[in-house]
Amino acid sequence: MEDSIVMALFLPLALFIIMLGLGMSLTKEDFKNVVRFPKAFFLGITNQLVFLPILGFSLAALFNLPPEFAVGLILISLCPGGPTSNIISFLAKGDLALSVSLTAVSSLVTNLSIPILLNVALLLHMGETQNINLPFGRTFLQILVVTIIPILIGMFIRRKNPDFTRKSQHAVNRISIAFFVIILSLAIFQERANIVTYFIQTGIPGLLLNVGAMLAGYFSARALKLDRPQRVSISVETG
């Protein structure tokens, strides 16, 4: 119970601070480039909304997982990456504006796609369906508060005080890495009693889902002759 409270309080604050720091590395021109050259965006969103669910359904069937684990694996493949994918893209020197754009759009679109595809998964693996309604308004509010607003504040700081932004960028990068490690460590600690058992049961298909999606994202971007930062962001957002 205490672990859940800590995560509920710390996670939004940590993500807000991280996204503020990421915003200090962005300009309006970065997002204009996403619009001017939309090929990368459309590839990324197609990978997330089409290829990744197909991979999830395929792995669940291939490994003949127990019904609840099969549905769980598929559910992972249906969900958007969220702000953490932006952090990873930034640390991996990907195209951050592309990553943020993909996260924002996929987080909203999956409010419509998850109920439909999750019901397909439930029907295939459990022989039942459920009335699933995702909170579109709440999702939009979360994206606004945790992602868009802090990024806009960071961009505003950069525009108003570029010298401060330049001097503080190294410290901001370190803080982002520290917060990311803390978030990951807390998540692992919270599930410490289940990690070994669940990994034995679903570790291989879970890893294949992650690695396979990242490789597919990277090489599909390379096939379209996208630059390295775009390849990295599409790989991270897909996987």
C-alpha atoms as a PDB file:
ATOM      1  CA  MET A   1       0.000   0.000   0.000  1.00  0.00           C
ATOM      2  CA  GLU A   2       2.787   2.428   0.939  1.00  0.00           C
ATOM      3  CA  ASP A   3       4.667   1.511  -2.273  1.00  0.00           C
ATOM      4  CA  SER A   4       1.570   2.408  -4.317  1.00  0.00           C
ATOM      5  CA  ILE A   5       1.218   5.763  -2.546  1.00  0.00           C
ATOM      6  CA  VAL A   6       4.888   6.592  -3.167  1.00  0.00           C
ATOM      7  CA  MET A   7       4.535   5.735  -6.867  1.00  0.00           C
ATOM      8  CA  ALA A   8       1.273   7.692  -7.170  1.00  0.00           C
ATOM      9  CA  LEU A   9       2.887  10.813  -5.708  1.00  0.00           C
ATOM     10  CA  PHE A  10       6.432  10.534  -7.017  1.00  0.00           C
ATOM     11  CA  LEU A  11       5.826   9.328 -10.574  1.00  0.00           C
ATOM     12  CA  PRO A  12       3.809  12.314 -11.911  1.00  0.00           C
ATOM     13  CA  LEU A  13       6.186  14.797 -10.262  1.00  0.00           C
ATOM     14  CA  ALA A  14       9.277  13.013 -11.590  1.00  0.00           C
ATOM     15  CA  LEU A  15       7.823  12.790 -15.106  1.00  0.00           C
ATOM     16  CA  PHE A  16       6.865  16.485 -15.019  1.00  0.00           C
ATOM     17  CA  ILE A  17      10.432  17.483 -14.082  1.00  0.00           C
ATOM     18  CA  ILE A  18      11.936  15.169 -16.714  1.00  0.00           C
ATOM     19  CA  MET A  19       9.647  16.455 -19.462  1.00  0.00           C
ATOM     20  CA  LEU A  20      10.435  20.041 -18.451  1.00  0.00           C
ATOM     21  CA  GLY A  21      14.116  19.238 -18.964  1.00  0.00           C
ATOM     22  CA  LEU A  22      13.374  17.590 -22.313  1.00  0.00           C
ATOM     23  CA  GLY A  23      11.450  20.679 -23.391  1.00  0.00           C
ATOM     24  CA  MET A  24      14.571  22.782 -22.801  1.00  0.00           C
ATOM     25  CA  SER A  25      16.244  20.833 -25.615  1.00  0.00           C
ATOM     26  CA  LEU A  26      13.430  21.513 -28.115  1.00  0.00           C
ATOM     27  CA  THR A  27      12.372  24.409 -30.335  1.00  0.00           C
ATOM     28  CA  LYS A  28       9.281  25.113 -32.431  1.00  0.00           C
ATOM     29  CA  GLU A  29      11.368  24.314 -35.498  1.00  0.00           C
ATOM     30  CA  ASP A  30      11.771  20.711 -34.303  1.00  0.00           C
ATOM     31  CA  PHE A  31       8.003  20.153 -34.367  1.00  0.00           C
ATOM     32  CA  LYS A  32       7.635  22.032 -37.640  1.00  0.00           C
ATOM     33  CA  ASN A  33      10.039  19.539 -39.191  1.00  0.00           C
ATOM     34  CA  VAL A  34       7.785  16.668 -38.076  1.00  0.00           C
ATOM     35  CA  VAL A  35       4.919  18.310 -39.989  1.00  0.00           C
ATOM     36  CA  ARG A  36       7.044  19.243 -43.014  1.00  0.00           C
ATOM     37  CA  PHE A  37       8.426  15.715 -43.376  1.00  0.00           C
ATOM     38  CA  PRO A  38       5.557  13.485 -42.155  1.00  0.00           C
ATOM     39  CA  LYS A  39       6.934  10.185 -43.509  1.00  0.00           C
ATOM     40  CA  ALA A  40       8.632   9.360 -40.195  1.00  0.00           C
ATOM     41  CA  PHE A  41       5.511  10.174 -38.175  1.00  0.00           C
ATOM     42  CA  PHE A  42       3.205   8.027 -40.313  1.00  0.00           C
ATOM     43  CA  LEU A  43       5.634   5.101 -40.222  1.00  0.00           C
ATOM     44  CA  GLY A  44       5.936   5.370 -36.446  1.00  0.00           C
ATOM     45  CA  ILE A  45       2.197   5.551 -35.835  1.00  0.00           C
ATOM     46  CA  THR A  46       1.568   2.641 -38.232  1.00  0.00           C
ATOM     47  CA  ASN A  47       4.147   0.519 -36.438  1.00  0.00           C
ATOM     48  CA  GLN A  48       2.575   1.289 -33.077  1.00  0.00           C
ATOM     49  CA  LEU A  49      -1.078   0.869 -34.015  1.00  0.00           C
ATOM     50  CA  VAL A  50      -0.853  -1.935 -36.599  1.00  0.00           C
ATOM     51  CA  PHE A  51       2.411  -3.893 -36.514  1.00  0.00           C
ATOM     52  CA  LEU A  52       2.858  -4.073 -32.738  1.00  0.00           C
ATOM     53  CA  PRO A  53      -0.634  -5.527 -32.020  1.00  0.00           C
ATOM     54  CA  ILE A  54      -0.118  -8.082 -34.815  1.00  0.00           C
ATOM     55  CA  LEU A  55       3.166  -9.101 -33.186  1.00  0.00           C
ATOM     56  CA  GLY A  56       1.489  -9.345 -29.774  1.00  0.00           C
ATOM     57  CA  PHE A  57      -1.346 -11.566 -31.041  1.00  0.00           C
ATOM     58  CA  SER A  58       1.148 -13.735 -32.960  1.00  0.00           C
ATOM     59  CA  LEU A  59       3.466 -14.318 -29.973  1.00  0.00           C
ATOM     60  CA  ALA A  60       0.559 -15.106 -27.653  1.00  0.00           C
ATOM     61  CA  ALA A  61      -0.629 -17.780 -30.097  1.00  0.00           C
ATOM     62  CA  LEU A  62       2.858 -19.096 -30.917  1.00  0.00           C
ATOM     63  CA  PHE A  63       3.822 -19.713 -27.273  1.00  0.00           C
ATOM     64  CA  ASN A  64       0.375 -21.059 -26.327  1.00  0.00           C
ATOM     65  CA  LEU A  65       0.399 -18.984 -23.138  1.00  0.00           C
ATOM     66  CA  PRO A  66      -2.162 -19.439 -20.353  1.00  0.00           C
ATOM     67  CA  PRO A  67      -5.221 -17.301 -21.201  1.00  0.00           C
ATOM     68  CA  GLU A  68      -4.578 -14.524 -18.657  1.00  0.00           C
ATOM     69  CA  PHE A  69      -0.929 -14.199 -19.712  1.00  0.00           C
ATOM     70  CA  ALA A  70      -1.832 -14.253 -23.403  1.00  0.00           C
ATOM     71  CA  VAL A  71      -4.305 -11.419 -22.899  1.00  0.00           C
ATOM     72  CA  GLY A  72      -1.744  -9.552 -20.775  1.00  0.00           C
ATOM     73  CA  LEU A  73       0.926  -9.831 -23.465  1.00  0.00           C
ATOM     74  CA  ILE A  74      -1.511  -8.602 -26.103  1.00  0.00           C
ATOM     75  CA  LEU A  75      -2.580  -5.729 -23.858  1.00  0.00           C
ATOM     76  CA  ILE A  76       1.052  -4.605 -23.595  1.00  0.00           C
ATOM     77  CA  SER A  77       1.271  -4.565 -27.389  1.00  0.00           C
ATOM     78  CA  LEU A  78      -1.861  -2.408 -27.592  1.00  0.00           C
ATOM     79  CA  CYS A  79      -0.706   0.280 -25.151  1.00  0.00           C
ATOM     80  CA  PRO A  80       1.230   3.437 -26.124  1.00  0.00           C
ATOM     81  CA  GLY A  81       4.735   4.008 -24.823  1.00  0.00           C
ATOM     82  CA  GLY A  82       3.912   7.049 -22.703  1.00  0.00           C
ATOM     83  CA  PRO A  83       6.385   9.662 -21.431  1.00  0.00           C
ATOM     84  CA  THR A  84       9.058   7.059 -20.657  1.00  0.00           C
ATOM     85  CA  SER A  85       9.519   6.437 -24.386  1.00  0.00           C
ATOM     86  CA  ASN A  86      10.326  10.141 -24.765  1.00  0.00           C
ATOM     87  CA  ILE A  87      12.962   9.854 -22.036  1.00  0.00           C
ATOM     88  CA  ILE A  88      14.559   6.833 -23.694  1.00  0.00           C
ATOM     89  CA  SER A  89      14.506   8.528 -27.114  1.00  0.00           C
ATOM     90  CA  PHE A  90      16.216  11.573 -25.630  1.00  0.00           C
ATOM     91  CA  LEU A  91      18.892   9.530 -23.854  1.00  0.00           C
ATOM     92  CA  ALA A  92      19.485   7.511 -27.043  1.00  0.00           C
ATOM     93  CA  LYS A  93      19.870  10.748 -29.058  1.00  0.00           C
ATOM     94  CA  GLY A  94      16.728  10.142 -31.078  1.00  0.00           C
ATOM     95  CA  ASP A  95      14.397  12.698 -32.654  1.00  0.00           C
ATOM     96  CA  LEU A  96      12.673  13.971 -29.509  1.00  0.00           C
ATOM     97  CA  ALA A  97      10.027  16.061 -31.291  1.00  0.00           C
ATOM     98  CA  LEU A  98       9.037  13.010 -33.342  1.00  0.00           C
ATOM     99  CA  SER A  99       8.913  10.866 -30.200  1.00  0.00           C
ATOM    100  CA  VAL A 100       6.708  13.361 -28.332  1.00  0.00           C
ATOM    101  CA  SER A 101       4.383  13.694 -31.343  1.00  0.00           C
ATOM    102  CA  LEU A 102       4.006   9.923 -31.638  1.00  0.00           C
ATOM    103  CA  THR A 103       3.359   9.548 -27.903  1.00  0.00           C
ATOM    104  CA  ALA A 104       0.672  12.240 -27.851  1.00  0.00           C
ATOM    105  CA  VAL A 105      -1.237  10.941 -30.888  1.00  0.00           C
ATOM    106  CA  SER A 106      -0.957   7.228 -30.061  1.00  0.00           C
ATOM    107  CA  SER A 107      -2.073   7.836 -26.453  1.00  0.00           C
ATOM    108  CA  LEU A 108      -5.298   9.375 -27.740  1.00  0.00           C
ATOM    109  CA  VAL A 109      -5.975   6.972 -30.621  1.00  0.00           C
ATOM    110  CA  THR A 110      -5.490   3.885 -28.429  1.00  0.00           C
ATOM    111  CA  ASN A 111      -8.481   4.965 -26.354  1.00  0.00           C
ATOM    112  CA  LEU A 112     -10.477   3.768 -29.358  1.00  0.00           C
ATOM    113  CA  SER A 113      -8.343   0.837 -30.510  1.00  0.00           C
ATOM    114  CA  ILE A 114      -7.643  -0.845 -27.146  1.00  0.00           C
ATOM    115  CA  PRO A 115     -11.295  -1.702 -26.278  1.00  0.00           C
ATOM    116  CA  ILE A 116     -11.856  -3.247 -29.713  1.00  0.00           C
ATOM    117  CA  LEU A 117      -8.639  -5.282 -29.929  1.00  0.00           C
ATOM    118  CA  LEU A 118      -8.666  -6.265 -26.247  1.00  0.00           C
ATOM    119  CA  ASN A 119     -12.118  -7.736 -26.716  1.00  0.00           C
ATOM    120  CA  VAL A 120     -10.773  -9.729 -29.658  1.00  0.00           C
ATOM    121  CA  ALA A 121      -8.015 -11.040 -27.382  1.00  0.00           C
ATOM    122  CA  LEU A 122     -10.507 -11.917 -24.639  1.00  0.00           C
ATOM    123  CA  LEU A 123     -12.708 -13.750 -27.146  1.00  0.00           C
ATOM    124  CA  LEU A 124      -9.788 -15.697 -28.629  1.00  0.00           C
ATOM    125  CA  HIS A 125      -8.136 -16.711 -25.352  1.00  0.00           C
ATOM    126  CA  MET A 126     -10.931 -16.657 -22.755  1.00  0.00           C
ATOM    127  CA  GLY A 127     -14.056 -17.161 -24.845  1.00  0.00           C
ATOM    128  CA  GLU A 128     -15.663 -13.993 -23.501  1.00  0.00           C
ATOM    129  CA  THR A 129     -15.907 -10.258 -24.119  1.00  0.00           C
ATOM    130  CA  GLN A 130     -16.359  -7.309 -21.783  1.00  0.00           C
ATOM    131  CA  ASN A 131     -17.673  -3.792 -21.985  1.00  0.00           C
ATOM    132  CA  ILE A 132     -14.395  -1.823 -21.923  1.00  0.00           C
ATOM    133  CA  ASN A 133     -14.497   1.957 -21.793  1.00  0.00           C
ATOM    134  CA  LEU A 134     -11.275   3.936 -21.458  1.00  0.00           C
ATOM    135  CA  PRO A 135     -11.333   7.452 -19.941  1.00  0.00           C
ATOM    136  CA  PHE A 136     -10.570   9.595 -22.997  1.00  0.00           C
ATOM    137  CA  GLY A 137     -10.883  12.853 -21.052  1.00  0.00           C
ATOM    138  CA  ARG A 138      -8.614  11.646 -18.263  1.00  0.00           C
ATOM    139  CA  THR A 139      -6.043  10.392 -20.764  1.00  0.00           C
ATOM    140  CA  PHE A 140      -6.012  13.745 -22.546  1.00  0.00           C
ATOM    141  CA  LEU A 141      -5.607  15.545 -19.203  1.00  0.00           C
ATOM    142  CA  GLN A 142      -2.692  13.288 -18.243  1.00  0.00           C
ATOM    143  CA  ILE A 143      -0.939  13.910 -21.574  1.00  0.00           C
ATOM    144  CA  LEU A 144      -1.520  17.639 -21.137  1.00  0.00           C
ATOM    145  CA  VAL A 145      -0.232  17.838 -17.547  1.00  0.00           C
ATOM    146  CA  VAL A 146       2.616  15.310 -17.656  1.00  0.00           C
ATOM    147  CA  THR A 147       3.871  15.810 -21.223  1.00  0.00           C
ATOM    148  CA  ILE A 148       2.663  18.858 -23.132  1.00  0.00           C
ATOM    149  CA  ILE A 149       2.656  21.547 -20.416  1.00  0.00           C
ATOM    150  CA  PRO A 150       6.148  20.791 -18.996  1.00  0.00           C
ATOM    151  CA  ILE A 151       7.601  20.556 -22.516  1.00  0.00           C
ATOM    152  CA  LEU A 152       6.071  23.936 -23.415  1.00  0.00           C
ATOM    153  CA  ILE A 153       7.473  25.440 -20.198  1.00  0.00           C
ATOM    154  CA  GLY A 154      10.913  24.018 -21.038  1.00  0.00           C
ATOM    155  CA  MET A 155      10.747  25.417 -24.568  1.00  0.00           C
ATOM    156  CA  PHE A 156       9.684  28.802 -23.164  1.00  0.00           C
ATOM    157  CA  ILE A 157      12.654  28.809 -20.783  1.00  0.00           C
ATOM    158  CA  ARG A 158      14.995  28.013 -23.672  1.00  0.00           C
ATOM    159  CA  ARG A 159      13.560  30.796 -25.822  1.00  0.00           C
ATOM    160  CA  LYS A 160      13.700  33.390 -23.048  1.00  0.00           C
ATOM    161  CA  ASN A 161      17.056  32.407 -21.567  1.00  0.00           C
ATOM    162  CA  PRO A 162      19.164  30.412 -24.043  1.00  0.00           C
ATOM    163  CA  ASP A 163      22.387  30.975 -22.078  1.00  0.00           C
ATOM    164  CA  PHE A 164      20.891  29.462 -18.930  1.00  0.00           C
ATOM    165  CA  THR A 165      19.515  26.552 -20.966  1.00  0.00           C
ATOM    166  CA  ARG A 166      22.872  25.853 -22.575  1.00  0.00           C
ATOM    167  CA  LYS A 167      24.750  25.977 -19.272  1.00  0.00           C
ATOM    168  CA  SER A 168      22.235  23.816 -17.429  1.00  0.00           C
ATOM    169  CA  GLN A 169      21.717  21.176 -20.154  1.00  0.00           C
ATOM    170  CA  HIS A 170      24.323  18.781 -18.774  1.00  0.00           C
ATOM    171  CA  ALA A 171      22.821  18.958 -15.282  1.00  0.00           C
ATOM    172  CA  VAL A 172      19.324  18.518 -16.704  1.00  0.00           C
ATOM    173  CA  ASN A 173      20.463  15.389 -18.579  1.00  0.00           C
ATOM    174  CA  ARG A 174      21.889  13.928 -15.376  1.00  0.00           C
ATOM    175  CA  ILE A 175      18.715  14.688 -13.432  1.00  0.00           C
ATOM    176  CA  SER A 176      16.614  13.039 -16.160  1.00  0.00           C
ATOM    177  CA  ILE A 177      18.748   9.895 -16.036  1.00  0.00           C
ATOM    178  CA  ALA A 178      18.589   9.815 -12.214  1.00  0.00           C
ATOM    179  CA  PHE A 179      14.811  10.174 -12.141  1.00  0.00           C
ATOM    180  CA  PHE A 180      14.419   7.524 -14.848  1.00  0.00           C
ATOM    181  CA  VAL A 181      16.534   5.065 -12.851  1.00  0.00           C
ATOM    182  CA  ILE A 182      14.525   5.815  -9.701  1.00  0.00           C
ATOM    183  CA  ILE A 183      11.205   5.294 -11.512  1.00  0.00           C
ATOM    184  CA  LEU A 184      12.402   1.996 -12.972  1.00  0.00           C
ATOM    185  CA  SER A 185      13.800   0.843  -9.611  1.00  0.00           C
ATOM    186  CA  LEU A 186      10.552   1.669  -7.802  1.00  0.00           C
ATOM    187  CA  ALA A 187       8.530  -0.233 -10.396  1.00  0.00           C
ATOM    188  CA  ILE A 188      10.772  -3.290 -10.030  1.00  0.00           C
ATOM    189  CA  PHE A 189      10.689  -3.035  -6.221  1.00  0.00           C
ATOM    190  CA  GLN A 190       6.903  -2.804  -6.246  1.00  0.00           C
ATOM    191  CA  GLU A 191       6.659  -6.086  -8.191  1.00  0.00           C
ATOM    192  CA  ARG A 192       9.611  -7.802  -6.482  1.00  0.00           C
ATOM    193  CA  ALA A 193       7.483 -10.710  -5.230  1.00  0.00           C
ATOM    194  CA  ASN A 194       6.290 -11.607  -8.742  1.00  0.00           C
ATOM    195  CA  ILE A 195       9.182 -10.805 -11.076  1.00  0.00           C
ATOM    196  CA  VAL A 196      10.945 -14.208 -11.034  1.00  0.00           C
ATOM    197  CA  THR A 197       7.719 -16.221 -11.321  1.00  0.00           C
ATOM    198  CA  TYR A 198       6.295 -14.079 -14.099  1.00  0.00           C
ATOM    199  CA  PHE A 199       9.575 -14.008 -15.997  1.00  0.00           C
ATOM    200  CA  ILE A 200       9.715 -17.815 -16.017  1.00  0.00           C
ATOM    201  CA  GLN A 201       6.184 -17.927 -17.426  1.00  0.00           C
ATOM    202  CA  THR A 202       6.247 -15.050 -19.904  1.00  0.00           C
ATOM    203  CA  GLY A 203       9.850 -13.796 -20.073  1.00  0.00           C
ATOM    204  CA  ILE A 204      10.751 -15.136 -23.512  1.00  0.00           C
ATOM    205  CA  PRO A 205       7.613 -13.949 -25.375  1.00  0.00           C
ATOM    206  CA  GLY A 206       7.838 -10.625 -23.508  1.00  0.00           C
ATOM    207  CA  LEU A 207      11.442 -10.117 -24.585  1.00  0.00           C
ATOM    208  CA  LEU A 208      10.633 -11.156 -28.149  1.00  0.00           C
ATOM    209  CA  LEU A 209       7.788  -8.641 -28.224  1.00  0.00           C
ATOM    210  CA  ASN A 210      10.084  -5.865 -27.046  1.00  0.00           C
ATOM    211  CA  VAL A 211      13.175  -6.709 -29.090  1.00  0.00           C
ATOM    212  CA  GLY A 212      11.223  -7.726 -32.192  1.00  0.00           C
ATOM    213  CA  ALA A 213       9.238  -4.488 -32.180  1.00  0.00           C
ATOM    214  CA  MET A 214      12.345  -2.357 -31.703  1.00  0.00           C
ATOM    215  CA  LEU A 215      14.182  -4.113 -34.536  1.00  0.00           C
ATOM    216  CA  ALA A 216      11.170  -3.838 -36.823  1.00  0.00           C
ATOM    217  CA  GLY A 217      10.840  -0.137 -36.003  1.00  0.00           C
ATOM    218  CA  TYR A 218      14.504   0.554 -36.681  1.00  0.00           C
ATOM    219  CA  PHE A 219      14.816  -1.394 -39.930  1.00  0.00           C
ATOM    220  CA  SER A 220      11.490  -0.196 -41.350  1.00  0.00           C
ATOM    221  CA  ALA A 221      12.744   3.362 -40.765  1.00  0.00           C
ATOM    222  CA  ARG A 222      16.044   2.511 -42.421  1.00  0.00           C
ATOM    223  CA  ALA A 223      14.206   1.020 -45.394  1.00  0.00           C
ATOM    224  CA  LEU A 224      12.477   4.395 -45.872  1.00  0.00           C
ATOM    225  CA  LYS A 225      15.876   6.120 -45.685  1.00  0.00           C
ATOM    226  CA  LEU A 226      15.071   8.083 -42.536  1.00  0.00           C
ATOM    227  CA  ASP A 227      17.965   9.622 -40.635  1.00  0.00           C
ATOM    228  CA  ARG A 228      19.474   8.012 -37.540  1.00  0.00           C
ATOM    229  CA  PRO A 229      17.628  10.109 -34.893  1.00  0.00           C
ATOM    230  CA  GLN A 230      14.311   9.264 -36.578  1.00  0.00           C
ATOM    231  CA  ARG A 231      15.218   5.565 -36.713  1.00  0.00           C
ATOM    232  CA  VAL A 232      16.037   5.593 -33.015  1.00  0.00           C
ATOM    233  CA  SER A 233      12.790   7.291 -32.011  1.00  0.00           C
ATOM    234  CA  ILE A 234      10.641   5.035 -34.192  1.00  0.00           C
ATOM    235  CA  SER A 235      12.454   1.997 -32.777  1.00  0.00           C
ATOM    236  CA  VAL A 236      11.844   3.125 -29.195  1.00  0.00           C
ATOM    237  CA  GLU A 237       8.223   4.157 -29.803  1.00  0.00           C
ATOM    238  CA  THR A 238       7.458   0.863 -31.549  1.00  0.00           C
ATOM    239  CA  GLY A 239       9.164  -1.277 -28.904  1.00  0.00           C
END
